[in-house]
């Protein structure tokens, strides 16, 4: 089972109105979190699964995923609170799906599935 720790969102600097932002927009809204998994391998599988989906608005949201020991560490930065909330919400939906899939079909579940499959096979006559 994964455990989630989320650090308090922080505002780094002054918020600039959306229309007034230059081409390289500052990303003052931040959220960091850490999710502990049973093993480093599990955390790495989840990171690799989620890394394939890029942010839809990379000019407005930056996402970093790292594995530290058996933990998946995530850091988000966004141009505004609404964009940060949307990016984190979507990410959490995908994270939940990936974690449930790992719990259901991951390395520890494979032996049970294989055993059930082997029992269900008829023994040739």
N, C-alpha and C. Protein backbone atom coordinates (compact mmCIF):
# COMPACT_ATOMS: atom_id res chain seq x y z
N UNK A 1 0.85 -1.17 0.00
CA UNK A 1 0.00 0.00 0.00
C UNK A 1 0.89 1.23 0.00
N UNK A 2 0.56 2.20 -0.80
CA UNK A 2 1.33 3.44 -0.90
C UNK A 2 0.84 4.44 0.13
N UNK A 3 1.77 5.22 0.66
CA UNK A 3 1.44 6.28 1.62
C UNK A 3 1.85 7.61 1.02
N UNK A 4 0.97 8.61 1.09
CA UNK A 4 1.23 9.90 0.47
C UNK A 4 1.51 10.96 1.53
N UNK A 5 2.57 11.72 1.32
CA UNK A 5 2.88 12.88 2.14
C UNK A 5 2.95 14.07 1.21
N UNK A 6 2.20 15.11 1.48
CA UNK A 6 2.22 16.31 0.64
C UNK A 6 2.70 17.48 1.46
N UNK A 7 3.66 18.19 0.91
CA UNK A 7 4.16 19.39 1.58
C UNK A 7 3.22 20.55 1.26
N UNK A 8 3.21 21.55 2.13
CA UNK A 8 2.35 22.72 1.98
C UNK A 8 2.69 23.46 0.68
N UNK A 9 1.67 23.79 -0.15
CA UNK A 9 1.94 24.57 -1.37
C UNK A 9 2.59 25.90 -1.01
N UNK A 10 3.49 26.36 -1.85
CA UNK A 10 4.19 27.60 -1.57
C UNK A 10 4.08 28.53 -2.75
N UNK A 11 4.01 29.80 -2.46
CA UNK A 11 4.02 30.83 -3.49
C UNK A 11 5.40 31.45 -3.48
N UNK A 12 6.10 31.30 -4.59
CA UNK A 12 7.46 31.83 -4.67
C UNK A 12 7.44 33.08 -5.53
N UNK A 13 7.39 34.23 -4.92
CA UNK A 13 7.39 35.47 -5.68
C UNK A 13 6.00 36.03 -5.87
N UNK A 14 5.90 37.12 -6.59
CA UNK A 14 4.62 37.79 -6.83
C UNK A 14 3.90 37.15 -8.00
N UNK A 15 2.58 37.08 -7.88
CA UNK A 15 1.77 36.56 -8.97
C UNK A 15 1.62 37.65 -10.03
N UNK A 16 1.88 37.32 -11.28
CA UNK A 16 1.77 38.28 -12.36
C UNK A 16 0.51 37.95 -13.15
N UNK A 17 -0.24 38.96 -13.55
CA UNK A 17 -1.46 38.73 -14.32
C UNK A 17 -1.14 37.94 -15.58
N UNK A 18 -2.03 37.03 -15.96
CA UNK A 18 -1.80 36.13 -17.08
C UNK A 18 -1.46 36.88 -18.36
N UNK A 19 -2.18 37.96 -18.67
CA UNK A 19 -1.95 38.71 -19.90
C UNK A 19 -0.59 39.41 -19.91
N UNK A 20 -0.06 39.74 -18.73
CA UNK A 20 1.18 40.51 -18.65
C UNK A 20 2.42 39.63 -18.60
N UNK A 21 2.26 38.30 -18.64
CA UNK A 21 3.41 37.42 -18.49
C UNK A 21 4.21 37.34 -19.78
N UNK A 22 5.55 37.33 -19.67
CA UNK A 22 6.40 37.21 -20.85
C UNK A 22 6.34 35.79 -21.41
N UNK A 23 7.03 35.57 -22.53
CA UNK A 23 7.03 34.25 -23.19
C UNK A 23 7.49 33.16 -22.23
N UNK A 24 8.54 33.41 -21.46
CA UNK A 24 8.96 32.46 -20.44
C UNK A 24 8.29 32.88 -19.14
N UNK A 25 7.20 32.20 -18.83
CA UNK A 25 6.39 32.59 -17.69
C UNK A 25 7.00 32.10 -16.39
N UNK A 26 6.93 32.93 -15.35
CA UNK A 26 7.38 32.45 -14.04
C UNK A 26 6.39 31.40 -13.53
N UNK A 27 6.88 30.49 -12.75
CA UNK A 27 6.05 29.41 -12.20
C UNK A 27 6.06 29.51 -10.68
N UNK A 28 5.34 30.48 -10.11
CA UNK A 28 5.44 30.75 -8.68
C UNK A 28 4.66 29.79 -7.77
N UNK A 29 3.69 29.08 -8.31
CA UNK A 29 2.88 28.18 -7.48
C UNK A 29 3.49 26.79 -7.52
N UNK A 30 3.75 26.23 -6.32
CA UNK A 30 4.47 24.96 -6.23
C UNK A 30 3.78 23.99 -5.29
N UNK A 31 3.92 22.71 -5.60
CA UNK A 31 3.44 21.65 -4.73
C UNK A 31 4.43 20.51 -4.82
N UNK A 32 4.86 19.99 -3.67
CA UNK A 32 5.76 18.84 -3.63
C UNK A 32 5.09 17.74 -2.82
N UNK A 33 5.35 16.51 -3.19
CA UNK A 33 4.78 15.37 -2.47
C UNK A 33 5.68 14.17 -2.54
N UNK A 34 5.45 13.24 -1.67
CA UNK A 34 6.26 12.03 -1.56
C UNK A 34 5.33 10.86 -1.30
N UNK A 35 5.48 9.80 -2.06
CA UNK A 35 4.65 8.61 -1.88
C UNK A 35 5.57 7.42 -1.64
N UNK A 36 5.38 6.77 -0.52
CA UNK A 36 6.19 5.60 -0.18
C UNK A 36 5.56 4.34 -0.76
N UNK A 37 6.38 3.53 -1.41
CA UNK A 37 5.94 2.24 -1.94
C UNK A 37 6.66 1.12 -1.19
N UNK A 38 6.26 -0.09 -1.44
CA UNK A 38 6.85 -1.24 -0.75
C UNK A 38 8.32 -1.44 -1.11
N UNK A 39 8.70 -1.06 -2.33
CA UNK A 39 10.09 -1.24 -2.75
C UNK A 39 10.48 -0.14 -3.74
N UNK A 40 11.78 -0.01 -3.94
CA UNK A 40 12.29 0.95 -4.93
C UNK A 40 11.83 0.54 -6.33
N UNK A 41 11.75 -0.75 -6.56
CA UNK A 41 11.30 -1.25 -7.87
C UNK A 41 9.87 -0.80 -8.16
N UNK A 42 9.00 -0.88 -7.15
CA UNK A 42 7.62 -0.43 -7.32
C UNK A 42 7.57 1.07 -7.64
N UNK A 43 8.32 1.86 -6.90
CA UNK A 43 8.35 3.31 -7.12
C UNK A 43 8.88 3.62 -8.53
N UNK A 44 9.88 2.90 -8.96
CA UNK A 44 10.46 3.09 -10.30
C UNK A 44 9.44 2.73 -11.39
N UNK A 45 8.70 1.65 -11.19
CA UNK A 45 7.68 1.26 -12.17
C UNK A 45 6.60 2.33 -12.29
N UNK A 46 6.17 2.87 -11.16
CA UNK A 46 5.15 3.92 -11.18
C UNK A 46 5.70 5.17 -11.87
N UNK A 47 6.92 5.56 -11.54
CA UNK A 47 7.52 6.74 -12.17
C UNK A 47 7.62 6.55 -13.68
N UNK A 48 8.10 5.39 -14.11
CA UNK A 48 8.23 5.12 -15.54
C UNK A 48 6.87 5.13 -16.25
N UNK A 49 5.86 4.64 -15.58
CA UNK A 49 4.52 4.63 -16.15
C UNK A 49 3.98 6.05 -16.32
N UNK A 50 4.17 6.89 -15.31
CA UNK A 50 3.63 8.24 -15.35
C UNK A 50 4.47 9.21 -16.19
N UNK A 51 5.73 8.91 -16.39
CA UNK A 51 6.63 9.81 -17.12
C UNK A 51 6.29 9.89 -18.60
N UNK A 52 5.59 8.91 -19.14
CA UNK A 52 5.27 8.92 -20.57
C UNK A 52 4.21 9.95 -20.94
N UNK A 53 3.42 10.38 -19.97
CA UNK A 53 2.38 11.38 -20.23
C UNK A 53 2.92 12.78 -19.94
N UNK A 54 3.26 13.53 -20.99
CA UNK A 54 3.77 14.88 -20.75
C UNK A 54 2.65 15.82 -20.31
N UNK A 55 3.03 16.92 -19.70
CA UNK A 55 2.05 17.94 -19.33
C UNK A 55 1.44 18.52 -20.61
N UNK A 56 0.15 18.79 -20.58
CA UNK A 56 -0.53 19.33 -21.75
C UNK A 56 -0.14 20.78 -22.04
N UNK A 57 0.23 21.51 -20.99
CA UNK A 57 0.63 22.92 -21.15
C UNK A 57 2.01 23.11 -20.52
N UNK A 58 3.07 22.64 -21.17
CA UNK A 58 4.40 22.73 -20.57
C UNK A 58 4.88 24.15 -20.33
N UNK A 59 4.28 25.13 -21.01
CA UNK A 59 4.65 26.51 -20.77
C UNK A 59 4.04 27.04 -19.48
N UNK A 60 3.03 26.33 -18.93
CA UNK A 60 2.35 26.77 -17.72
C UNK A 60 2.58 25.85 -16.53
N UNK A 61 3.00 24.61 -16.78
CA UNK A 61 3.18 23.63 -15.70
C UNK A 61 4.47 22.87 -15.92
N UNK A 62 5.22 22.70 -14.85
CA UNK A 62 6.43 21.89 -14.90
C UNK A 62 6.27 20.79 -13.85
N UNK A 63 6.54 19.55 -14.24
CA UNK A 63 6.42 18.41 -13.33
C UNK A 63 7.74 17.66 -13.30
N UNK A 64 8.21 17.35 -12.10
CA UNK A 64 9.43 16.56 -11.92
C UNK A 64 9.08 15.35 -11.08
N UNK A 65 9.52 14.17 -11.53
CA UNK A 65 9.32 12.93 -10.79
C UNK A 65 10.67 12.29 -10.55
N UNK A 66 10.92 11.89 -9.31
CA UNK A 66 12.17 11.23 -8.96
C UNK A 66 11.86 10.06 -8.03
N UNK A 67 12.75 9.09 -8.02
CA UNK A 67 12.65 8.00 -7.07
C UNK A 67 13.79 8.15 -6.07
N UNK A 68 13.43 8.19 -4.80
CA UNK A 68 14.42 8.26 -3.72
C UNK A 68 14.15 7.08 -2.80
N UNK A 69 15.01 6.07 -2.88
CA UNK A 69 14.77 4.85 -2.11
C UNK A 69 13.51 4.19 -2.63
N UNK A 70 12.54 3.95 -1.75
CA UNK A 70 11.28 3.34 -2.18
C UNK A 70 10.17 4.39 -2.31
N UNK A 71 10.55 5.65 -2.43
CA UNK A 71 9.56 6.73 -2.52
C UNK A 71 9.57 7.38 -3.90
N UNK A 72 8.38 7.71 -4.37
CA UNK A 72 8.23 8.53 -5.56
C UNK A 72 8.08 9.96 -5.08
N UNK A 73 8.98 10.83 -5.52
CA UNK A 73 8.95 12.23 -5.11
C UNK A 73 8.52 13.05 -6.31
N UNK A 74 7.50 13.89 -6.10
CA UNK A 74 6.99 14.71 -7.20
C UNK A 74 7.07 16.17 -6.83
N UNK A 75 7.29 17.00 -7.83
CA UNK A 75 7.33 18.45 -7.62
C UNK A 75 6.66 19.10 -8.82
N UNK A 76 5.66 19.93 -8.54
CA UNK A 76 4.93 20.66 -9.57
C UNK A 76 5.18 22.15 -9.40
N UNK A 77 5.26 22.86 -10.51
CA UNK A 77 5.32 24.32 -10.52
C UNK A 77 4.36 24.78 -11.59
N UNK A 78 3.61 25.86 -11.30
CA UNK A 78 2.64 26.36 -12.27
C UNK A 78 2.55 27.87 -12.22
N UNK A 79 1.94 28.41 -13.27
CA UNK A 79 1.79 29.86 -13.39
C UNK A 79 0.73 30.41 -12.45
N UNK A 80 -0.28 29.61 -12.13
CA UNK A 80 -1.35 30.08 -11.23
C UNK A 80 -1.94 28.89 -10.47
N UNK A 81 -2.69 29.21 -9.43
CA UNK A 81 -3.24 28.17 -8.55
C UNK A 81 -4.20 27.24 -9.29
N UNK A 82 -5.01 27.79 -10.17
CA UNK A 82 -5.97 26.95 -10.91
C UNK A 82 -5.26 25.93 -11.80
N UNK A 83 -4.23 26.36 -12.48
CA UNK A 83 -3.46 25.47 -13.35
C UNK A 83 -2.76 24.40 -12.52
N UNK A 84 -2.21 24.79 -11.37
CA UNK A 84 -1.56 23.83 -10.48
C UNK A 84 -2.56 22.79 -10.00
N UNK A 85 -3.74 23.24 -9.57
CA UNK A 85 -4.77 22.32 -9.09
C UNK A 85 -5.18 21.33 -10.18
N UNK A 86 -5.37 21.81 -11.39
CA UNK A 86 -5.77 20.94 -12.50
C UNK A 86 -4.68 19.91 -12.81
N UNK A 87 -3.43 20.36 -12.86
CA UNK A 87 -2.32 19.44 -13.17
C UNK A 87 -2.16 18.39 -12.09
N UNK A 88 -2.23 18.80 -10.83
CA UNK A 88 -2.06 17.86 -9.72
C UNK A 88 -3.25 16.90 -9.66
N UNK A 89 -4.46 17.41 -9.89
CA UNK A 89 -5.65 16.56 -9.87
C UNK A 89 -5.59 15.47 -10.92
N UNK A 90 -5.22 15.85 -12.14
CA UNK A 90 -5.09 14.87 -13.23
C UNK A 90 -4.00 13.86 -12.91
N UNK A 91 -2.87 14.36 -12.41
CA UNK A 91 -1.76 13.48 -12.06
C UNK A 91 -2.18 12.48 -10.98
N UNK A 92 -2.92 12.94 -9.97
CA UNK A 92 -3.35 12.05 -8.89
C UNK A 92 -4.30 10.97 -9.39
N UNK A 93 -5.15 11.31 -10.36
CA UNK A 93 -6.02 10.29 -10.96
C UNK A 93 -5.18 9.21 -11.63
N UNK A 94 -4.19 9.61 -12.42
CA UNK A 94 -3.32 8.64 -13.09
C UNK A 94 -2.46 7.87 -12.10
N UNK A 95 -2.00 8.56 -11.06
CA UNK A 95 -1.20 7.92 -10.01
C UNK A 95 -2.02 6.84 -9.30
N UNK A 96 -3.27 7.16 -8.99
CA UNK A 96 -4.15 6.18 -8.34
C UNK A 96 -4.36 4.95 -9.21
N UNK A 97 -4.59 5.18 -10.49
CA UNK A 97 -4.78 4.06 -11.42
C UNK A 97 -3.52 3.21 -11.52
N UNK A 98 -2.37 3.84 -11.65
CA UNK A 98 -1.11 3.11 -11.75
C UNK A 98 -0.83 2.33 -10.47
N UNK A 99 -1.11 2.93 -9.32
CA UNK A 99 -0.86 2.25 -8.03
C UNK A 99 -1.79 1.06 -7.85
N UNK A 100 -3.08 1.24 -8.18
CA UNK A 100 -4.02 0.11 -8.07
C UNK A 100 -3.64 -1.01 -9.02
N UNK A 101 -3.18 -0.65 -10.22
CA UNK A 101 -2.75 -1.66 -11.19
C UNK A 101 -1.54 -2.42 -10.66
N UNK A 102 -0.58 -1.70 -10.07
CA UNK A 102 0.59 -2.34 -9.49
C UNK A 102 0.19 -3.29 -8.36
N UNK A 103 -0.71 -2.83 -7.50
CA UNK A 103 -1.16 -3.67 -6.38
C UNK A 103 -1.88 -4.92 -6.88
N UNK A 104 -2.64 -4.78 -7.99
CA UNK A 104 -3.40 -5.91 -8.51
C UNK A 104 -2.54 -6.88 -9.32
N UNK A 105 -1.65 -6.33 -10.17
CA UNK A 105 -0.92 -7.17 -11.11
C UNK A 105 0.59 -7.11 -10.96
N UNK A 106 1.11 -6.40 -9.96
CA UNK A 106 2.54 -6.24 -9.78
C UNK A 106 3.24 -7.54 -9.43
N UNK A 107 4.55 -7.46 -9.17
CA UNK A 107 5.36 -8.65 -8.91
C UNK A 107 4.81 -9.56 -7.82
N UNK A 108 4.28 -8.99 -6.74
CA UNK A 108 3.77 -9.84 -5.67
C UNK A 108 2.45 -10.50 -6.06
N UNK A 109 1.69 -9.88 -6.98
CA UNK A 109 0.43 -10.45 -7.41
C UNK A 109 0.61 -11.47 -8.52
N UNK A 110 1.73 -11.42 -9.24
CA UNK A 110 1.92 -12.32 -10.38
C UNK A 110 1.94 -13.77 -9.98
N UNK A 111 2.55 -14.09 -8.86
CA UNK A 111 2.61 -15.49 -8.46
C UNK A 111 1.21 -16.03 -8.16
N UNK A 112 0.36 -15.21 -7.59
CA UNK A 112 -1.01 -15.63 -7.30
C UNK A 112 -1.77 -15.84 -8.60
N UNK A 113 -1.64 -14.92 -9.55
CA UNK A 113 -2.32 -15.06 -10.84
C UNK A 113 -1.82 -16.30 -11.56
N UNK A 114 -0.50 -16.51 -11.55
CA UNK A 114 0.07 -17.68 -12.23
C UNK A 114 -0.43 -18.96 -11.57
N UNK A 115 -0.53 -18.97 -10.24
CA UNK A 115 -0.99 -20.17 -9.55
C UNK A 115 -2.45 -20.43 -9.90
N UNK A 116 -3.29 -19.41 -9.93
CA UNK A 116 -4.70 -19.57 -10.28
C UNK A 116 -4.83 -20.07 -11.72
N UNK A 117 -4.01 -19.55 -12.62
CA UNK A 117 -4.06 -19.97 -14.01
C UNK A 117 -3.65 -21.43 -14.12
N UNK A 118 -2.61 -21.82 -13.40
CA UNK A 118 -2.14 -23.20 -13.45
C UNK A 118 -3.20 -24.16 -12.91
N UNK A 119 -3.91 -23.79 -11.87
CA UNK A 119 -4.95 -24.64 -11.30
C UNK A 119 -6.11 -24.76 -12.27
N UNK A 120 -6.42 -23.72 -13.02
CA UNK A 120 -7.54 -23.72 -13.93
C UNK A 120 -7.27 -24.54 -15.19
N UNK A 121 -6.00 -24.83 -15.49
CA UNK A 121 -5.64 -25.59 -16.69
C UNK A 121 -6.02 -27.05 -16.53
N UNK A 122 -6.66 -27.65 -17.53
CA UNK A 122 -6.97 -29.09 -17.43
C UNK A 122 -5.68 -29.91 -17.57
N UNK A 123 -5.64 -31.01 -16.87
CA UNK A 123 -4.48 -31.90 -16.99
C UNK A 123 -4.78 -32.88 -18.12
N UNK A 124 -3.99 -32.87 -19.16
CA UNK A 124 -4.27 -33.67 -20.39
C UNK A 124 -4.61 -35.12 -20.10
N UNK A 125 -5.55 -35.68 -20.88
CA UNK A 125 -5.94 -37.10 -20.73
C UNK A 125 -5.48 -37.89 -21.90
